[in-house]
Every structure is written in structure tokens, then in C-alpha cells.
C-alpha atoms as a PDB file:
ATOM      1  CA  UNK A   1     -82.457  84.927  -7.344  1.00  0.00           C
ATOM      2  CA  UNK A   2     -85.537  86.531  -7.801  1.00  0.00           C
ATOM      3  CA  UNK A   3     -86.134  89.024 -10.768  1.00  0.00           C
ATOM      4  CA  UNK A   4     -88.994  91.267 -10.784  1.00  0.00           C
ATOM      5  CA  UNK A   5     -90.852  90.669 -14.091  1.00  0.00           C
ATOM      6  CA  UNK A   6     -91.330  93.857 -16.246  1.00  0.00           C
ATOM      7  CA  UNK A   7     -95.129  92.785 -16.692  1.00  0.00           C
ATOM      8  CA  UNK A   8     -95.706  93.003 -12.848  1.00  0.00           C
ATOM      9  CA  UNK A   9     -94.278  96.388 -12.746  1.00  0.00           C
ATOM     10  CA  UNK A  10     -97.542  98.531 -13.401  1.00  0.00           C
ATOM     11  CA  UNK A  11     -97.433 101.070 -10.874  1.00  0.00           C
ATOM     12  CA  UNK A  12     -99.974 103.773 -11.160  1.00  0.00           C
ATOM     13  CA  UNK A  13    -102.136 102.090 -14.075  1.00  0.00           C
ATOM     14  CA  UNK A  14    -102.576  99.354 -11.243  1.00  0.00           C
ATOM     15  CA  UNK A  15    -103.720 101.850  -8.606  1.00  0.00           C
ATOM     16  CA  UNK A  16    -106.206 103.677 -11.077  1.00  0.00           C
ATOM     17  CA  UNK A  17    -107.433 100.103 -11.790  1.00  0.00           C
ATOM     18  CA  UNK A  18    -107.842  99.201  -8.355  1.00  0.00           C
ATOM     19  CA  UNK A  19    -109.593 102.500  -7.322  1.00  0.00           C
ATOM     20  CA  UNK A  20    -111.930 102.009 -10.169  1.00  0.00           C
ATOM     21  CA  UNK A  21    -112.888  98.539  -9.413  1.00  0.00           C
ATOM     22  CA  UNK A  22    -113.155  99.091  -5.602  1.00  0.00           C
ATOM     23  CA  UNK A  23    -114.518 102.419  -5.765  1.00  0.00           C
ATOM     24  CA  UNK A  24    -111.586 104.478  -3.960  1.00  0.00           C
ATOM     25  CA  UNK A  25    -109.576 107.524  -4.991  1.00  0.00           C
ATOM     26  CA  UNK A  26    -106.446 107.868  -6.548  1.00  0.00           C
ATOM     27  CA  UNK A  27    -104.070 110.824  -5.918  1.00  0.00           C
ATOM     28  CA  UNK A  28    -100.520 111.821  -7.331  1.00  0.00           C
ATOM     29  CA  UNK A  29     -97.820 113.665  -5.545  1.00  0.00           C
ATOM     30  CA  UNK A  30     -96.162 116.710  -7.333  1.00  0.00           C
ATOM     31  CA  UNK A  31     -93.987 119.437  -6.763  1.00  0.00           C
ATOM     32  CA  UNK A  32     -94.891 122.133  -4.268  1.00  0.00           C
ATOM     33  CA  UNK A  33     -98.051 124.331  -5.303  1.00  0.00           C
ATOM     34  CA  UNK A  34    -100.475 127.030  -3.650  1.00  0.00           C
ATOM     35  CA  UNK A  35    -102.405 123.741  -2.432  1.00  0.00           C
ATOM     36  CA  UNK A  36     -99.434 122.596  -0.246  1.00  0.00           C
ATOM     37  CA  UNK A  37     -95.538 121.895   0.172  1.00  0.00           C
ATOM     38  CA  UNK A  38     -93.607 119.368  -1.980  1.00  0.00           C
ATOM     39  CA  UNK A  39     -92.761 115.884  -0.161  1.00  0.00           C
ATOM     40  CA  UNK A  40     -89.344 114.425   0.208  1.00  0.00           C
ATOM     41  CA  UNK A  41     -89.975 112.225  -2.582  1.00  0.00           C
ATOM     42  CA  UNK A  42     -90.776 115.319  -4.757  1.00  0.00           C
ATOM     43  CA  UNK A  43     -87.257 116.717  -3.580  1.00  0.00           C
ATOM     44  CA  UNK A  44     -85.378 113.613  -4.547  1.00  0.00           C
ATOM     45  CA  UNK A  45     -86.968 113.312  -7.933  1.00  0.00           C
ATOM     46  CA  UNK A  46     -86.315 116.684  -8.406  1.00  0.00           C
ATOM     47  CA  UNK A  47     -82.593 115.682  -8.414  1.00  0.00           C
ATOM     48  CA  UNK A  48     -83.025 113.182 -11.098  1.00  0.00           C
ATOM     49  CA  UNK A  49     -82.443 114.197 -14.691  1.00  0.00           C
ATOM     50  CA  UNK A  50     -83.918 112.559 -17.717  1.00  0.00           C
ATOM     51  CA  UNK A  51     -82.452 110.898 -20.864  1.00  0.00           C
ATOM     52  CA  UNK A  52     -83.874 109.867 -24.174  1.00  0.00           C
ATOM     53  CA  UNK A  53     -83.537 106.071 -24.629  1.00  0.00           C
ATOM     54  CA  UNK A  54     -82.070 106.789 -27.932  1.00  0.00           C
ATOM     55  CA  UNK A  55     -79.104 108.967 -26.464  1.00  0.00           C
ATOM     56  CA  UNK A  56     -78.325 105.811 -24.099  1.00  0.00           C
ATOM     57  CA  UNK A  57     -74.932 103.861 -24.962  1.00  0.00           C
ATOM     58  CA  UNK A  58     -75.744 100.686 -26.820  1.00  0.00           C
ATOM     59  CA  UNK A  59     -74.721  98.873 -23.744  1.00  0.00           C
ATOM     60  CA  UNK A  60     -77.662 100.159 -21.897  1.00  0.00           C
ATOM     61  CA  UNK A  61     -79.805  98.923 -24.581  1.00  0.00           C
ATOM     62  CA  UNK A  62     -78.398  95.655 -24.278  1.00  0.00           C
ATOM     63  CA  UNK A  63     -79.166  95.849 -20.486  1.00  0.00           C
ATOM     64  CA  UNK A  64     -82.632  96.906 -20.954  1.00  0.00           C
ATOM     65  CA  UNK A  65     -83.301  94.126 -23.277  1.00  0.00           C
ATOM     66  CA  UNK A  66     -82.165  91.645 -20.985  1.00  0.00           C
ATOM     67  CA  UNK A  67     -84.300  93.045 -18.111  1.00  0.00           C
ATOM     68  CA  UNK A  68     -87.164  92.911 -20.488  1.00  0.00           C
ATOM     69  CA  UNK A  69     -86.428  89.148 -21.435  1.00  0.00           C
ATOM     70  CA  UNK A  70     -85.549  87.937 -17.878  1.00  0.00           C
ATOM     71  CA  UNK A  71     -82.015  87.393 -18.170  1.00  0.00           C
ATOM     72  CA  UNK A  72     -79.549  85.664 -18.271  1.00  0.00           C
ATOM     73  CA  UNK A  73     -77.397  88.429 -16.937  1.00  0.00           C
ATOM     74  CA  UNK A  74     -73.460  88.509 -17.123  1.00  0.00           C
ATOM     75  CA  UNK A  75     -72.925  89.558 -13.429  1.00  0.00           C
ATOM     76  CA  UNK A  76     -74.183  87.658  -9.943  1.00  0.00           C
ATOM     77  CA  UNK A  77     -74.911  91.324  -8.895  1.00  0.00           C
ATOM     78  CA  UNK A  78     -77.164  91.728 -11.569  1.00  0.00           C
ATOM     79  CA  UNK A  79     -81.074  92.037 -10.336  1.00  0.00           C
ATOM     80  CA  UNK A  80     -80.213  92.311  -6.624  1.00  0.00           C
ATOM     81  CA  UNK A  81     -81.893  94.910  -4.610  1.00  0.00           C
ATOM     82  CA  UNK A  82     -80.828  98.637  -4.813  1.00  0.00           C
ATOM     83  CA  UNK A  83     -80.669 100.110  -1.512  1.00  0.00           C
ATOM     84  CA  UNK A  84     -80.893 103.802  -2.470  1.00  0.00           C
ATOM     85  CA  UNK A  85     -78.346 104.717   0.180  1.00  0.00           C
ATOM     86  CA  UNK A  86     -77.682 107.892  -1.623  1.00  0.00           C
ATOM     87  CA  UNK A  87     -81.025 108.984  -1.349  1.00  0.00           C
ATOM     88  CA  UNK A  88     -80.915 110.552  -4.972  1.00  0.00           C
ATOM     89  CA  UNK A  89     -84.102 108.305  -6.281  1.00  0.00           C
ATOM     90  CA  UNK A  90     -87.460 109.007  -5.051  1.00  0.00           C
ATOM     91  CA  UNK A  91     -87.776 107.193  -1.317  1.00  0.00           C
ATOM     92  CA  UNK A  92     -89.375 103.726  -1.731  1.00  0.00           C
ATOM     93  CA  UNK A  93     -89.440 100.810   0.549  1.00  0.00           C
ATOM     94  CA  UNK A  94     -86.646  98.360   0.499  1.00  0.00           C
ATOM     95  CA  UNK A  95     -87.063  96.101  -2.533  1.00  0.00           C
ATOM     96  CA  UNK A  96     -88.674  98.473  -5.036  1.00  0.00           C
ATOM     97  CA  UNK A  97     -85.383  98.889  -6.681  1.00  0.00           C
ATOM     98  CA  UNK A  98     -83.010  96.617  -8.415  1.00  0.00           C
ATOM     99  CA  UNK A  99     -79.603  97.168 -10.063  1.00  0.00           C
ATOM    100  CA  UNK A 100     -78.071  95.875 -13.481  1.00  0.00           C
ATOM    101  CA  UNK A 101     -74.749  96.077 -14.776  1.00  0.00           C
ATOM    102  CA  UNK A 102     -74.211  97.991 -17.992  1.00  0.00           C
ATOM    103  CA  UNK A 103     -70.948  96.824 -19.488  1.00  0.00           C
ATOM    104  CA  UNK A 104     -68.202  99.641 -20.026  1.00  0.00           C
ATOM    105  CA  UNK A 105     -66.058  98.563 -23.022  1.00  0.00           C
ATOM    106  CA  UNK A 106     -62.628  98.192 -21.992  1.00  0.00           C
ATOM    107  CA  UNK A 107     -62.901  97.901 -18.399  1.00  0.00           C
ATOM    108  CA  UNK A 108     -61.653  95.179 -16.425  1.00  0.00           C
ATOM    109  CA  UNK A 109     -64.193  95.264 -13.786  1.00  0.00           C
ATOM    110  CA  UNK A 110     -68.046  95.783 -13.921  1.00  0.00           C
ATOM    111  CA  UNK A 111     -67.293  99.642 -14.250  1.00  0.00           C
ATOM    112  CA  UNK A 112     -69.351 102.377 -13.255  1.00  0.00           C
ATOM    113  CA  UNK A 113     -72.537 102.193 -15.233  1.00  0.00           C
ATOM    114  CA  UNK A 114     -75.712 100.948 -13.926  1.00  0.00           C
ATOM    115  CA  UNK A 115     -79.482 100.739 -14.601  1.00  0.00           C
ATOM    116  CA  UNK A 116     -81.712 100.878 -11.716  1.00  0.00           C
ATOM    117  CA  UNK A 117     -85.317  99.984 -12.312  1.00  0.00           C
ATOM    118  CA  UNK A 118     -88.552 100.618 -10.014  1.00  0.00           C
ATOM    119  CA  UNK A 119     -91.474  98.608  -9.769  1.00  0.00           C
ATOM    120  CA  UNK A 120     -93.550 101.141 -12.096  1.00  0.00           C
ATOM    121  CA  UNK A 121     -93.843 100.303 -15.588  1.00  0.00           C
ATOM    122  CA  UNK A 122     -90.632 101.646 -17.522  1.00  0.00           C
ATOM    123  CA  UNK A 123     -89.128 103.260 -14.177  1.00  0.00           C
ATOM    124  CA  UNK A 124     -85.869 102.859 -15.359  1.00  0.00           C
ATOM    125  CA  UNK A 125     -82.883 104.992 -14.125  1.00  0.00           C
ATOM    126  CA  UNK A 126     -79.437 105.219 -15.693  1.00  0.00           C
ATOM    127  CA  UNK A 127     -76.303 106.257 -14.061  1.00  0.00           C
ATOM    128  CA  UNK A 128     -72.780 106.518 -15.744  1.00  0.00           C
ATOM    129  CA  UNK A 129     -71.021 107.411 -12.427  1.00  0.00           C
ATOM    130  CA  UNK A 130     -71.804 104.700  -9.853  1.00  0.00           C
ATOM    131  CA  UNK A 131     -74.844 106.380  -8.242  1.00  0.00           C
ATOM    132  CA  UNK A 132     -73.675 109.665  -7.983  1.00  0.00           C
ATOM    133  CA  UNK A 133     -76.484 110.753 -10.236  1.00  0.00           C
ATOM    134  CA  UNK A 134     -79.229 109.228 -12.166  1.00  0.00           C
ATOM    135  CA  UNK A 135     -81.368 109.911 -15.201  1.00  0.00           C
ATOM    136  CA  UNK A 136     -84.774 108.622 -15.807  1.00  0.00           C
ATOM    137  CA  UNK A 137     -84.935 106.817 -19.245  1.00  0.00           C
ATOM    138  CA  UNK A 138     -87.636 108.395 -21.295  1.00  0.00           C
ATOM    139  CA  UNK A 139     -88.609 105.324 -23.473  1.00  0.00           C
ATOM    140  CA  UNK A 140     -90.561 107.675 -25.851  1.00  0.00           C
ATOM    141  CA  UNK A 141     -87.598 109.473 -27.808  1.00  0.00           C
END
């Protein structure tokens, strides 16, 4: 199984660097303004909440540490492509998101908690309810 390394998930920084080196332009999608309507990705992103890294359960910290170090992961499903079938996360190409188990103390199964990573740097989403809702992890608080 191939796990996407955190160091290659540069997202906007890579686009900016590419534009500077090649001489192109960089644009960013945002919410609806007087200049134009919101896109589908904007609507999806609006459905995602946010959570401070410090407010996550300790098991989520453990999972994020494992992701940063490249494993080993406790479950064979960890690192697999997350399909975003629920459509809650911003729409991206297949393979953009990957899911990882967050241990649930006392659970005989994997439980409902997950970290879903995107390709952008520190684009980590936490769900405690098996993909019914997501919070973007704010690593700065």
C-alpha cells in the first residue's frame, strides 16, 4: 500500500511557486461575493466545521503522529483512498483524500472516528461520527 508522504502535500504553496517560476497566475476560490457566485467546492467547504488541534482526543494526536511518520498503521484500511461519497468535503479527484483510523477506547471494532487527509499541507479532517460530519483541524491552536 502506498501512503502519500506529508512532505509532498504542498497544495497552494506549490501552485504559487510554480506560477512564480513559470510566469503564470494563481487564483483562489472563495465564497460568493459581488464578483461572482460560490462554486460547489465552496458550498461543501462551508459544511465542514473546524476544530483546534489541542481539542482533539489524544488518540487523534496519535493518528496524526503516525501519519506524519509514515506508519506503521494498526489497521489494513489505514491510508486507503477516501471516496468522499457523502460529498461533505470539497470535491476533488479520486485519490486526493486518504483515511486513517482514530482508536476508540473500549471499542471492539475500528469505531467511528477517523482522520481524513487531503493533499494540501496540514489538510486534515476529523470525524467522530463515521463521515456524517467533518471538522478541519486547525494546527495553529
